[in-house]
Structure formats: C-alpha cells, structure tokens
C-alpha cells in the first residue's frame, strides 16, 4: 500500500516537494475509491464502509470542481492520467 501511494504521488506531483496539491489528493482519493469498490464486490452487505466511499467520492468531486475553476489545463491532464472521464 505504501509503495502504491508513493508511486501515485511521484506520478502526479508538480515539484519535488509536492505531497498535498489538488492533483495528488485526487489521485490518492481515486485509489481509495477503487480499493473500496473492489471491497464491495466481495462484501456486499458492508454498510459501514459505504459512508467512507461516499465521503471519498464527494471529496474528489469537490477537488475536481476546484481544479476545473482554477486551472483548467491541469484538470484536463488529471482526467486523462487517471482515466476518470472520456
């Protein structure tokens, strides 16, 4: 998990010290959403994790909206890198 997190940060960071930009946060939330989605395929009745999934999806949506309004070029790049929309 830690290696995967490091790889996501390295692929999306803006400069060498970047660990908290919107792009990195969107990438980490996307990984969390994918992991929870796989978890729900195995555990259909896990209602407690549903709240965590909804919170992660809404947080990612807010960050994407922020990026779209403030830096549209970066918004387009993050969508293609993470394959969120076509």
N, C-alpha and C. Protein backbone atom coordinates (compact mmCIF):
# COMPACT_ATOMS: atom_id res chain seq x y z
N UNK A 1 0.82 -1.19 0.00
CA UNK A 1 0.00 0.00 0.00
C UNK A 1 0.87 1.26 0.00
N UNK A 2 1.91 1.27 0.80
CA UNK A 2 2.78 2.44 0.90
C UNK A 2 3.52 2.67 -0.42
N UNK A 3 3.94 1.59 -1.09
CA UNK A 3 4.63 1.74 -2.37
C UNK A 3 3.69 2.28 -3.43
N UNK A 4 2.44 1.83 -3.40
CA UNK A 4 1.45 2.30 -4.36
C UNK A 4 1.18 3.79 -4.15
N UNK A 5 1.08 4.18 -2.89
CA UNK A 5 0.85 5.59 -2.55
C UNK A 5 2.01 6.46 -3.03
N UNK A 6 3.23 5.98 -2.83
CA UNK A 6 4.42 6.71 -3.27
C UNK A 6 4.45 6.83 -4.78
N UNK A 7 4.04 5.78 -5.49
CA UNK A 7 4.02 5.81 -6.95
C UNK A 7 2.99 6.82 -7.46
N UNK A 8 1.85 6.90 -6.80
CA UNK A 8 0.81 7.86 -7.20
C UNK A 8 1.32 9.28 -6.98
N UNK A 9 1.94 9.52 -5.85
CA UNK A 9 2.46 10.86 -5.55
C UNK A 9 3.54 11.24 -6.56
N UNK A 10 4.44 10.30 -6.88
CA UNK A 10 5.50 10.58 -7.83
C UNK A 10 4.97 10.87 -9.23
N UNK A 11 3.90 10.20 -9.62
CA UNK A 11 3.39 10.40 -10.98
C UNK A 11 2.59 11.69 -11.12
N UNK A 12 2.04 12.22 -10.03
CA UNK A 12 1.17 13.39 -10.13
C UNK A 12 1.73 14.66 -9.51
N UNK A 13 2.88 14.60 -8.86
CA UNK A 13 3.39 15.78 -8.17
C UNK A 13 3.84 16.85 -9.16
N UNK A 14 3.73 18.10 -8.71
CA UNK A 14 4.08 19.24 -9.54
C UNK A 14 5.57 19.56 -9.40
N UNK A 15 6.10 19.52 -8.18
CA UNK A 15 7.53 19.73 -7.97
C UNK A 15 8.05 18.67 -7.00
N UNK A 16 9.32 18.73 -6.67
CA UNK A 16 9.94 17.65 -5.89
C UNK A 16 9.41 17.56 -4.46
N UNK A 17 8.92 18.65 -3.90
CA UNK A 17 8.43 18.64 -2.52
C UNK A 17 6.92 18.52 -2.41
N UNK A 18 6.25 18.30 -3.51
CA UNK A 18 4.78 18.31 -3.54
C UNK A 18 4.21 16.99 -3.01
N UNK A 19 3.39 17.10 -1.97
CA UNK A 19 2.67 15.93 -1.47
C UNK A 19 1.21 16.25 -1.18
N UNK A 20 0.79 17.49 -1.34
CA UNK A 20 -0.56 17.85 -0.96
C UNK A 20 -1.33 18.67 -1.96
N UNK A 21 -0.85 18.75 -3.21
CA UNK A 21 -1.58 19.53 -4.20
C UNK A 21 -2.89 18.84 -4.55
N UNK A 22 -3.75 19.56 -5.21
CA UNK A 22 -5.06 19.00 -5.59
C UNK A 22 -4.90 17.76 -6.47
N UNK A 23 -3.94 17.79 -7.37
CA UNK A 23 -3.74 16.66 -8.27
C UNK A 23 -3.36 15.40 -7.50
N UNK A 24 -2.47 15.54 -6.53
CA UNK A 24 -2.04 14.40 -5.73
C UNK A 24 -3.20 13.88 -4.87
N UNK A 25 -3.96 14.80 -4.28
CA UNK A 25 -5.09 14.39 -3.46
C UNK A 25 -6.15 13.66 -4.28
N UNK A 26 -6.39 14.13 -5.51
CA UNK A 26 -7.35 13.46 -6.38
C UNK A 26 -6.87 12.06 -6.72
N UNK A 27 -5.58 11.92 -6.99
CA UNK A 27 -5.02 10.60 -7.29
C UNK A 27 -5.14 9.64 -6.12
N UNK A 28 -4.86 10.11 -4.92
CA UNK A 28 -4.95 9.26 -3.74
C UNK A 28 -6.40 8.88 -3.44
N UNK A 29 -7.31 9.82 -3.61
CA UNK A 29 -8.72 9.52 -3.39
C UNK A 29 -9.24 8.53 -4.44
N UNK A 30 -8.76 8.65 -5.67
CA UNK A 30 -9.17 7.71 -6.71
C UNK A 30 -8.72 6.29 -6.37
N UNK A 31 -7.52 6.16 -5.83
CA UNK A 31 -7.02 4.85 -5.42
C UNK A 31 -7.86 4.29 -4.28
N UNK A 32 -8.21 5.15 -3.33
CA UNK A 32 -9.05 4.72 -2.21
C UNK A 32 -10.43 4.28 -2.71
N UNK A 33 -11.00 5.00 -3.64
CA UNK A 33 -12.30 4.65 -4.20
C UNK A 33 -12.23 3.31 -4.93
N UNK A 34 -11.17 3.10 -5.68
CA UNK A 34 -11.00 1.81 -6.38
C UNK A 34 -10.88 0.65 -5.40
N UNK A 35 -10.13 0.87 -4.32
CA UNK A 35 -9.98 -0.19 -3.31
C UNK A 35 -11.31 -0.50 -2.63
N UNK A 36 -12.08 0.53 -2.30
CA UNK A 36 -13.38 0.30 -1.66
C UNK A 36 -14.36 -0.36 -2.62
N UNK A 37 -14.28 -0.02 -3.90
CA UNK A 37 -15.15 -0.65 -4.89
C UNK A 37 -14.86 -2.14 -4.98
N UNK A 38 -13.58 -2.50 -4.99
CA UNK A 38 -13.21 -3.92 -5.00
C UNK A 38 -13.65 -4.61 -3.72
N UNK A 39 -13.59 -3.91 -2.60
CA UNK A 39 -14.03 -4.46 -1.32
C UNK A 39 -15.52 -4.77 -1.35
N UNK A 40 -16.30 -3.90 -1.97
CA UNK A 40 -17.75 -4.09 -2.01
C UNK A 40 -18.16 -5.22 -2.94
N UNK A 41 -17.31 -5.56 -3.91
CA UNK A 41 -17.61 -6.71 -4.76
C UNK A 41 -17.58 -8.01 -3.95
N UNK A 42 -16.72 -8.06 -2.95
CA UNK A 42 -16.60 -9.25 -2.11
C UNK A 42 -17.55 -9.21 -0.92
N UNK A 43 -17.79 -8.00 -0.39
CA UNK A 43 -18.59 -7.83 0.82
C UNK A 43 -19.77 -6.91 0.53
N UNK A 44 -20.80 -7.47 -0.03
CA UNK A 44 -21.94 -6.68 -0.48
C UNK A 44 -22.72 -6.05 0.68
N UNK A 45 -22.70 -6.64 1.84
CA UNK A 45 -23.51 -6.16 2.96
C UNK A 45 -22.73 -5.26 3.93
N UNK A 46 -21.57 -4.79 3.54
CA UNK A 46 -20.78 -3.91 4.40
C UNK A 46 -21.31 -2.48 4.30
N UNK A 47 -22.21 -2.13 5.21
CA UNK A 47 -22.86 -0.82 5.15
C UNK A 47 -22.01 0.28 5.79
N UNK A 48 -21.12 -0.07 6.69
CA UNK A 48 -20.32 0.93 7.37
C UNK A 48 -19.29 1.56 6.44
N UNK A 49 -18.74 0.79 5.53
CA UNK A 49 -17.75 1.33 4.61
C UNK A 49 -18.39 2.16 3.51
N UNK A 50 -19.69 2.06 3.36
CA UNK A 50 -20.39 2.83 2.34
C UNK A 50 -20.25 4.33 2.60
N UNK A 51 -20.30 4.71 3.86
CA UNK A 51 -20.15 6.12 4.21
C UNK A 51 -18.76 6.62 3.82
N UNK A 52 -17.74 5.84 4.06
CA UNK A 52 -16.39 6.22 3.67
C UNK A 52 -16.25 6.37 2.17
N UNK A 53 -16.89 5.48 1.42
CA UNK A 53 -16.85 5.58 -0.03
C UNK A 53 -17.54 6.85 -0.50
N UNK A 54 -18.72 7.14 0.04
CA UNK A 54 -19.44 8.35 -0.37
C UNK A 54 -18.67 9.61 -0.02
N UNK A 55 -18.01 9.62 1.14
CA UNK A 55 -17.22 10.78 1.53
C UNK A 55 -16.03 10.98 0.59
N UNK A 56 -15.38 9.88 0.20
CA UNK A 56 -14.23 9.97 -0.71
C UNK A 56 -14.67 10.45 -2.09
N UNK A 57 -15.80 9.95 -2.58
CA UNK A 57 -16.30 10.37 -3.89
C UNK A 57 -16.65 11.85 -3.88
N UNK A 58 -17.32 12.30 -2.83
CA UNK A 58 -17.70 13.71 -2.75
C UNK A 58 -16.49 14.62 -2.59
N UNK A 59 -15.49 14.19 -1.84
CA UNK A 59 -14.26 14.98 -1.68
C UNK A 59 -13.53 15.10 -3.02
N UNK A 60 -13.45 13.99 -3.75
CA UNK A 60 -12.80 14.02 -5.07
C UNK A 60 -13.57 14.93 -6.02
N UNK A 61 -14.89 14.91 -5.95
CA UNK A 61 -15.70 15.78 -6.81
C UNK A 61 -15.45 17.24 -6.49
N UNK A 62 -15.35 17.58 -5.21
CA UNK A 62 -15.07 18.97 -4.83
C UNK A 62 -13.69 19.41 -5.31
N UNK A 63 -12.70 18.53 -5.18
CA UNK A 63 -11.36 18.87 -5.64
C UNK A 63 -11.31 19.03 -7.16
N UNK A 64 -12.04 18.18 -7.88
CA UNK A 64 -12.08 18.30 -9.33
C UNK A 64 -12.77 19.61 -9.75
N UNK A 65 -13.83 19.98 -9.05
CA UNK A 65 -14.50 21.25 -9.35
C UNK A 65 -13.57 22.43 -9.09
N UNK A 66 -12.83 22.38 -8.00
CA UNK A 66 -11.87 23.43 -7.68
C UNK A 66 -10.82 23.54 -8.77
N UNK A 67 -10.29 22.40 -9.20
CA UNK A 67 -9.26 22.39 -10.23
C UNK A 67 -9.81 22.89 -11.55
N UNK A 68 -11.04 22.51 -11.86
CA UNK A 68 -11.67 22.94 -13.11
C UNK A 68 -11.83 24.46 -13.15
N UNK A 69 -12.17 25.06 -12.03
CA UNK A 69 -12.38 26.51 -11.97
C UNK A 69 -11.08 27.30 -11.94
N UNK A 70 -10.02 26.74 -11.37
CA UNK A 70 -8.79 27.49 -11.17
C UNK A 70 -7.67 27.16 -12.13
N UNK A 71 -7.60 25.93 -12.62
CA UNK A 71 -6.51 25.53 -13.51
C UNK A 71 -7.05 24.47 -14.47
N UNK A 72 -7.70 24.92 -15.54
CA UNK A 72 -8.40 24.00 -16.43
C UNK A 72 -7.44 23.06 -17.14
N UNK A 73 -6.25 23.51 -17.46
CA UNK A 73 -5.27 22.65 -18.15
C UNK A 73 -4.86 21.48 -17.26
N UNK A 74 -4.62 21.75 -16.00
CA UNK A 74 -4.29 20.70 -15.04
C UNK A 74 -5.47 19.76 -14.84
N UNK A 75 -6.68 20.30 -14.86
CA UNK A 75 -7.90 19.50 -14.75
C UNK A 75 -7.99 18.48 -15.89
N UNK A 76 -7.74 18.94 -17.11
CA UNK A 76 -7.78 18.04 -18.27
C UNK A 76 -6.69 16.97 -18.16
N UNK A 77 -5.51 17.36 -17.71
CA UNK A 77 -4.41 16.40 -17.58
C UNK A 77 -4.72 15.32 -16.55
N UNK A 78 -5.29 15.71 -15.42
CA UNK A 78 -5.58 14.74 -14.37
C UNK A 78 -6.67 13.78 -14.81
N UNK A 79 -7.64 14.26 -15.59
CA UNK A 79 -8.70 13.37 -16.09
C UNK A 79 -8.14 12.32 -17.03
N UNK A 80 -7.19 12.72 -17.88
CA UNK A 80 -6.62 11.74 -18.82
C UNK A 80 -5.67 10.79 -18.10
N UNK A 81 -4.89 11.28 -17.14
CA UNK A 81 -3.95 10.40 -16.42
C UNK A 81 -4.68 9.34 -15.61
N UNK A 82 -5.76 9.74 -14.96
CA UNK A 82 -6.48 8.81 -14.09
C UNK A 82 -7.63 8.11 -14.82
N UNK A 83 -7.87 8.49 -16.07
CA UNK A 83 -8.93 7.88 -16.90
C UNK A 83 -10.28 7.96 -16.20
N UNK A 84 -10.60 9.17 -15.70
CA UNK A 84 -11.86 9.36 -14.98
C UNK A 84 -13.02 9.59 -15.93
N UNK A 85 -12.79 10.38 -16.97
CA UNK A 85 -13.84 10.65 -17.95
C UNK A 85 -13.29 10.48 -19.34
N UNK A 86 -14.18 10.26 -20.29
CA UNK A 86 -13.72 10.07 -21.67
C UNK A 86 -13.82 11.34 -22.46
